[in-house]
C-alpha atoms as a PDB file:
ATOM      1  CA  MET A   1      21.122 109.483 126.702  1.00  0.00           C
ATOM      2  CA  PHE A   2      23.607 111.856 125.112  1.00  0.00           C
ATOM      3  CA  ASP A   3      25.442 113.782 127.838  1.00  0.00           C
ATOM      4  CA  PRO A   4      27.575 116.700 126.548  1.00  0.00           C
ATOM      5  CA  GLU A   5      29.514 116.894 129.856  1.00  0.00           C
ATOM      6  CA  THR A   6      30.649 113.265 129.591  1.00  0.00           C
ATOM      7  CA  GLU A   7      31.710 113.715 125.987  1.00  0.00           C
ATOM      8  CA  LYS A   8      33.638 116.863 126.898  1.00  0.00           C
ATOM      9  CA  ALA A   9      35.436 115.049 129.734  1.00  0.00           C
ATOM     10  CA  THR A  10      36.294 112.161 127.393  1.00  0.00           C
ATOM     11  CA  GLU A  11      37.664 114.582 124.816  1.00  0.00           C
ATOM     12  CA  GLN A  12      39.814 116.305 127.455  1.00  0.00           C
ATOM     13  CA  ARG A  13      41.141 112.938 128.626  1.00  0.00           C
ATOM     14  CA  ARG A  14      42.061 111.996 125.038  1.00  0.00           C
ATOM     15  CA  SER A  15      43.720 115.343 124.566  1.00  0.00           C
ATOM     16  CA  ARG A  16      45.809 114.894 127.728  1.00  0.00           C
ATOM     17  CA  ILE A  17      46.853 111.378 126.680  1.00  0.00           C
ATOM     18  CA  ILE A  18      47.915 112.617 123.240  1.00  0.00           C
ATOM     19  CA  MET A  19      49.920 115.450 124.814  1.00  0.00           C
ATOM     20  CA  ALA A  20      51.586 113.055 127.266  1.00  0.00           C
ATOM     21  CA  LEU A  21      52.510 110.652 124.453  1.00  0.00           C
ATOM     22  CA  GLY A  22      53.868 113.536 122.395  1.00  0.00           C
ATOM     23  CA  ALA A  23      55.998 114.748 125.300  1.00  0.00           C
ATOM     24  CA  LEU A  24      57.245 111.211 125.929  1.00  0.00           C
ATOM     25  CA  GLY A  25      58.120 110.828 122.239  1.00  0.00           C
ATOM     26  CA  ALA A  26      59.990 114.144 122.260  1.00  0.00           C
ATOM     27  CA  LEU A  27      61.921 113.051 125.349  1.00  0.00           C
ATOM     28  CA  VAL A  28      62.900 109.729 123.754  1.00  0.00           C
ATOM     29  CA  LEU A  29      63.973 111.549 120.573  1.00  0.00           C
ATOM     30  CA  ALA A  30      66.070 114.017 122.585  1.00  0.00           C
ATOM     31  CA  ILE A  31      67.806 111.155 124.402  1.00  0.00           C
ATOM     32  CA  ILE A  32      68.587 109.405 121.102  1.00  0.00           C
ATOM     33  CA  VAL A  33      70.009 112.613 119.617  1.00  0.00           C
ATOM     34  CA  MET A  34      72.206 113.168 122.689  1.00  0.00           C
ATOM     35  CA  VAL A  35      73.529 109.596 122.596  1.00  0.00           C
ATOM     36  CA  VAL A  36      74.357 109.822 118.888  1.00  0.00           C
ATOM     37  CA  ALA A  37      75.981 113.249 119.281  1.00  0.00           C
ATOM     38  CA  ARG A  38      78.046 112.075 122.230  1.00  0.00           C
ATOM     39  CA  SER A  39      79.232 108.943 120.418  1.00  0.00           C
ATOM     40  CA  ARG A  40      80.328 111.015 117.404  1.00  0.00           C
ATOM     41  CA  SER A  41      82.062 113.690 119.441  1.00  0.00           C
ATOM     42  CA  GLN A  42      84.251 111.286 121.373  1.00  0.00           C
ATOM     43  CA  PRO A  43      87.927 111.234 120.436  1.00  0.00           C
ATOM     44  CA  ALA A  44      88.936 108.922 117.627  1.00  0.00           C
ATOM     45  CA  ALA A  45      90.947 106.800 120.017  1.00  0.00           C
ATOM     46  CA  PRO A  46      91.790 106.474 123.714  1.00  0.00           C
ATOM     47  CA  ASP A  47      94.219 108.934 125.258  1.00  0.00           C
ATOM     48  CA  ASN A  48      96.971 106.360 125.699  1.00  0.00           C
ATOM     49  CA  PHE A  49      98.340 107.141 122.218  1.00  0.00           C
ATOM     50  CA  ARG A  50     101.800 108.659 121.996  1.00  0.00           C
ATOM     51  CA  ARG A  51     101.775 111.709 119.733  1.00  0.00           C
ATOM     52  CA  ALA A  52     104.234 114.248 118.351  1.00  0.00           C
ATOM     53  CA  GLY A  53     106.401 115.652 121.101  1.00  0.00           C
ATOM     54  CA  ALA A  54     106.343 112.498 123.220  1.00  0.00           C
ATOM     55  CA  ALA A  55     109.781 110.906 123.386  1.00  0.00           C
ATOM     56  CA  GLU A  56     108.415 107.426 122.701  1.00  0.00           C
ATOM     57  CA  PHE A  57     106.611 108.620 119.541  1.00  0.00           C
ATOM     58  CA  GLU A  58     109.549 110.666 118.259  1.00  0.00           C
ATOM     59  CA  SER A  59     112.022 107.798 118.692  1.00  0.00           C
ATOM     60  CA  TYR A  60     109.791 105.280 116.881  1.00  0.00           C
ATOM     61  CA  LYS A  61     107.976 107.313 114.188  1.00  0.00           C
ATOM     62  CA  ASP A  62     110.685 106.865 111.530  1.00  0.00           C
ATOM     63  CA  ARG A  63     110.194 103.090 111.768  1.00  0.00           C
ATOM     64  CA  VAL A  64     106.523 103.300 110.833  1.00  0.00           C
ATOM     65  CA  THR A  65     106.106 104.317 107.210  1.00  0.00           C
ATOM     66  CA  LEU A  66     103.271 105.101 104.837  1.00  0.00           C
ATOM     67  CA  ASP A  67     104.425 103.951 101.419  1.00  0.00           C
ATOM     68  CA  ASN A  68     102.840 104.017  97.960  1.00  0.00           C
ATOM     69  CA  GLN A  69     100.374 106.786  98.762  1.00  0.00           C
ATOM     70  CA  GLU A  70      97.724 107.155  96.092  1.00  0.00           C
ATOM     71  CA  VAL A  71      95.001 109.822  96.107  1.00  0.00           C
ATOM     72  CA  VAL A  72      91.612 109.238  94.491  1.00  0.00           C
ATOM     73  CA  VAL A  73      88.807 111.823  94.315  1.00  0.00           C
ATOM     74  CA  TYR A  74      85.146 110.875  94.436  1.00  0.00           C
ATOM     75  CA  PRO A  75      82.662 113.683  93.731  1.00  0.00           C
ATOM     76  CA  ASN A  76      79.169 113.165  95.078  1.00  0.00           C
ATOM     77  CA  GLN A  77      75.749 114.395  94.007  1.00  0.00           C
ATOM     78  CA  LEU A  78      75.764 117.148  96.618  1.00  0.00           C
ATOM     79  CA  GLY A  79      78.686 118.873  94.914  1.00  0.00           C
ATOM     80  CA  MET A  80      81.211 117.823  97.540  1.00  0.00           C
ATOM     81  CA  ASN A  81      84.435 115.907  97.017  1.00  0.00           C
ATOM     82  CA  GLN A  82      85.802 113.056  99.069  1.00  0.00           C
ATOM     83  CA  PHE A  83      89.539 112.596  98.813  1.00  0.00           C
ATOM     84  CA  VAL A  84      90.699 109.063  99.550  1.00  0.00           C
ATOM     85  CA  VAL A  85      94.331 108.346 100.390  1.00  0.00           C
ATOM     86  CA  LYS A  86      95.328 104.712  99.955  1.00  0.00           C
ATOM     87  CA  ALA A  87      98.709 103.633 101.316  1.00  0.00           C
ATOM     88  CA  GLN A  88     100.725 100.769 102.738  1.00  0.00           C
ATOM     89  CA  LEU A  89     101.427 101.040 106.483  1.00  0.00           C
ATOM     90  CA  ASN A  90     104.696  99.304 107.438  1.00  0.00           C
ATOM     91  CA  ASN A  91     106.078  98.564 110.900  1.00  0.00           C
ATOM     92  CA  ARG A  92     109.836  98.437 110.378  1.00  0.00           C
ATOM     93  CA  GLY A  93     110.617  98.656 114.069  1.00  0.00           C
ATOM     94  CA  ASP A  94     110.986  96.094 116.832  1.00  0.00           C
ATOM     95  CA  ARG A  95     107.729  96.681 118.752  1.00  0.00           C
ATOM     96  CA  ALA A  96     104.155  95.584 118.088  1.00  0.00           C
ATOM     97  CA  LEU A  97     101.668  98.404 117.495  1.00  0.00           C
ATOM     98  CA  THR A  98      98.232  98.061 119.095  1.00  0.00           C
ATOM     99  CA  GLY A  99      97.092 101.446 117.843  1.00  0.00           C
ATOM    100  CA  VAL A 100      97.922 103.701 114.917  1.00  0.00           C
ATOM    101  CA  GLU A 101      96.423 107.115 114.166  1.00  0.00           C
ATOM    102  CA  ILE A 102      96.819 108.581 110.695  1.00  0.00           C
ATOM    103  CA  ILE A 103      95.870 112.193 109.966  1.00  0.00           C
ATOM    104  CA  GLY A 104      94.694 113.050 106.480  1.00  0.00           C
ATOM    105  CA  LYS A 105      94.829 116.674 105.339  1.00  0.00           C
ATOM    106  CA  VAL A 106      93.646 118.558 102.266  1.00  0.00           C
ATOM    107  CA  TYR A 107      95.544 121.768 101.418  1.00  0.00           C
ATOM    108  CA  ASP A 108      94.293 124.604  99.221  1.00  0.00           C
ATOM    109  CA  GLN A 109      96.394 126.614  96.758  1.00  0.00           C
ATOM    110  CA  GLN A 110      97.663 128.854  99.597  1.00  0.00           C
ATOM    111  CA  ASP A 111      98.856 125.797 101.589  1.00  0.00           C
ATOM    112  CA  LYS A 112      96.099 126.212 104.188  1.00  0.00           C
ATOM    113  CA  VAL A 113      94.444 123.090 105.590  1.00  0.00           C
ATOM    114  CA  VAL A 114      90.826 123.139 104.381  1.00  0.00           C
ATOM    115  CA  ALA A 115      89.851 119.694 105.653  1.00  0.00           C
ATOM    116  CA  GLN A 116      91.359 117.057 107.898  1.00  0.00           C
ATOM    117  CA  VAL A 117      90.400 113.801 109.548  1.00  0.00           C
ATOM    118  CA  ILE A 118      92.023 111.345 111.937  1.00  0.00           C
ATOM    119  CA  SER A 119      91.758 107.706 110.938  1.00  0.00           C
ATOM    120  CA  VAL A 120      92.494 104.833 113.314  1.00  0.00           C
ATOM    121  CA  PRO A 121      93.243 101.761 111.170  1.00  0.00           C
ATOM    122  CA  ILE A 122      94.470  99.880 114.223  1.00  0.00           C
ATOM    123  CA  PRO A 123      92.359  98.850 116.170  1.00  0.00           C
ATOM    124  CA  ARG A 124      89.302  99.803 114.045  1.00  0.00           C
ATOM    125  CA  VAL A 125      90.139  97.972 110.810  1.00  0.00           C
ATOM    126  CA  ARG A 126      92.634  95.490 112.194  1.00  0.00           C
ATOM    127  CA  GLU A 127      92.047  94.406 115.769  1.00  0.00           C
ATOM    128  CA  GLU A 128      95.264  92.446 116.234  1.00  0.00           C
ATOM    129  CA  PRO A 129      98.567  94.308 116.671  1.00  0.00           C
ATOM    130  CA  LEU A 130     100.815  95.167 113.728  1.00  0.00           C
ATOM    131  CA  LYS A 131     103.916  93.183 114.569  1.00  0.00           C
ATOM    132  CA  PRO A 132     107.463  94.116 113.587  1.00  0.00           C
ATOM    133  CA  GLY A 133     108.004  93.516 109.874  1.00  0.00           C
ATOM    134  CA  GLU A 134     104.273  93.431 109.076  1.00  0.00           C
ATOM    135  CA  SER A 135     102.376  95.702 106.694  1.00  0.00           C
ATOM    136  CA  MET A 136      98.756  96.505 105.988  1.00  0.00           C
ATOM    137  CA  ALA A 137      96.792  98.501 103.465  1.00  0.00           C
ATOM    138  CA  ILE A 138      95.083 101.588 104.870  1.00  0.00           C
ATOM    139  CA  THR A 139      92.505 104.030 103.555  1.00  0.00           C
ATOM    140  CA  VAL A 140      91.917 107.560 104.838  1.00  0.00           C
ATOM    141  CA  ARG A 141      88.749 109.329 103.618  1.00  0.00           C
ATOM    142  CA  ILE A 142      88.652 113.121 103.839  1.00  0.00           C
ATOM    143  CA  ASP A 143      85.424 114.995 103.068  1.00  0.00           C
ATOM    144  CA  THR A 144      85.817 118.584 101.934  1.00  0.00           C
ATOM    145  CA  PRO A 145      83.333 121.442 102.243  1.00  0.00           C
ATOM    146  CA  ALA A 146      81.100 122.022  99.221  1.00  0.00           C
ATOM    147  CA  LYS A 147      82.879 125.274  98.366  1.00  0.00           C
ATOM    148  CA  ILE A 148      86.184 123.429  97.845  1.00  0.00           C
ATOM    149  CA  LYS A 149      86.436 122.093  94.307  1.00  0.00           C
ATOM    150  CA  GLU A 150      89.042 119.648  93.078  1.00  0.00           C
ATOM    151  CA  ALA A 151      90.835 122.463  91.206  1.00  0.00           C
ATOM    152  CA  ASP A 152      91.185 124.403  94.501  1.00  0.00           C
ATOM    153  CA  VAL A 153      93.221 121.594  96.076  1.00  0.00           C
ATOM    154  CA  LYS A 154      96.997 121.749  95.880  1.00  0.00           C
ATOM    155  CA  LYS A 155      97.896 118.711  97.969  1.00  0.00           C
ATOM    156  CA  VAL A 156      96.336 115.791  99.832  1.00  0.00           C
ATOM    157  CA  ASP A 157      98.498 114.084 102.418  1.00  0.00           C
ATOM    158  CA  ALA A 158      98.358 111.384 105.074  1.00  0.00           C
ATOM    159  CA  GLU A 159     100.890 111.171 107.869  1.00  0.00           C
ATOM    160  CA  LEU A 160     101.472 109.366 111.128  1.00  0.00           C
ATOM    161  CA  HIS A 161      99.721 111.107 114.013  1.00  0.00           C
ATOM    162  CA  GLY A 162      99.829 108.714 116.967  1.00  0.00           C
ATOM    163  CA  LEU A 163     101.096 105.309 118.111  1.00  0.00           C
ATOM    164  CA  ARG A 164     100.129 102.926 120.862  1.00  0.00           C
ATOM    165  CA  PHE A 165     102.513 100.139 121.783  1.00  0.00           C
ATOM    166  CA  GLN A 166     101.857  96.665 123.122  1.00  0.00           C
END
């Protein structure tokens, strides 16, 4: 009635099924990690932005201003600081902007950049173009490494990095 061979074969079958499910789960997890990593490593915006050095950017950059910059520091429980630059983005030119890149930088006491981030308020925050004469509030959040304390920071700045025109 009790056959040890049958029970051994059943146990091997269960073991194989568990191993196959484990391998399948690991494969699914690896795919998810790759998708997330790829989505985070993509550029902040498409390559059709005009940046420093491009004639179109250089001729228009003085018409796009960041006024009333205010820096706020938020320490977190992990001992890191997040510097937040709040400003007013103004289009004082004659063209609508369908994309704006702002670069935020944190400088240490030796004027070295210790952290930077590129923010894309248009089209991420505001999907419609910023028309001539219009303004919008922007926020650039810059996380610093844990070793950088607020006292180690000399300057926090946000500046225009790229433009895309309609």
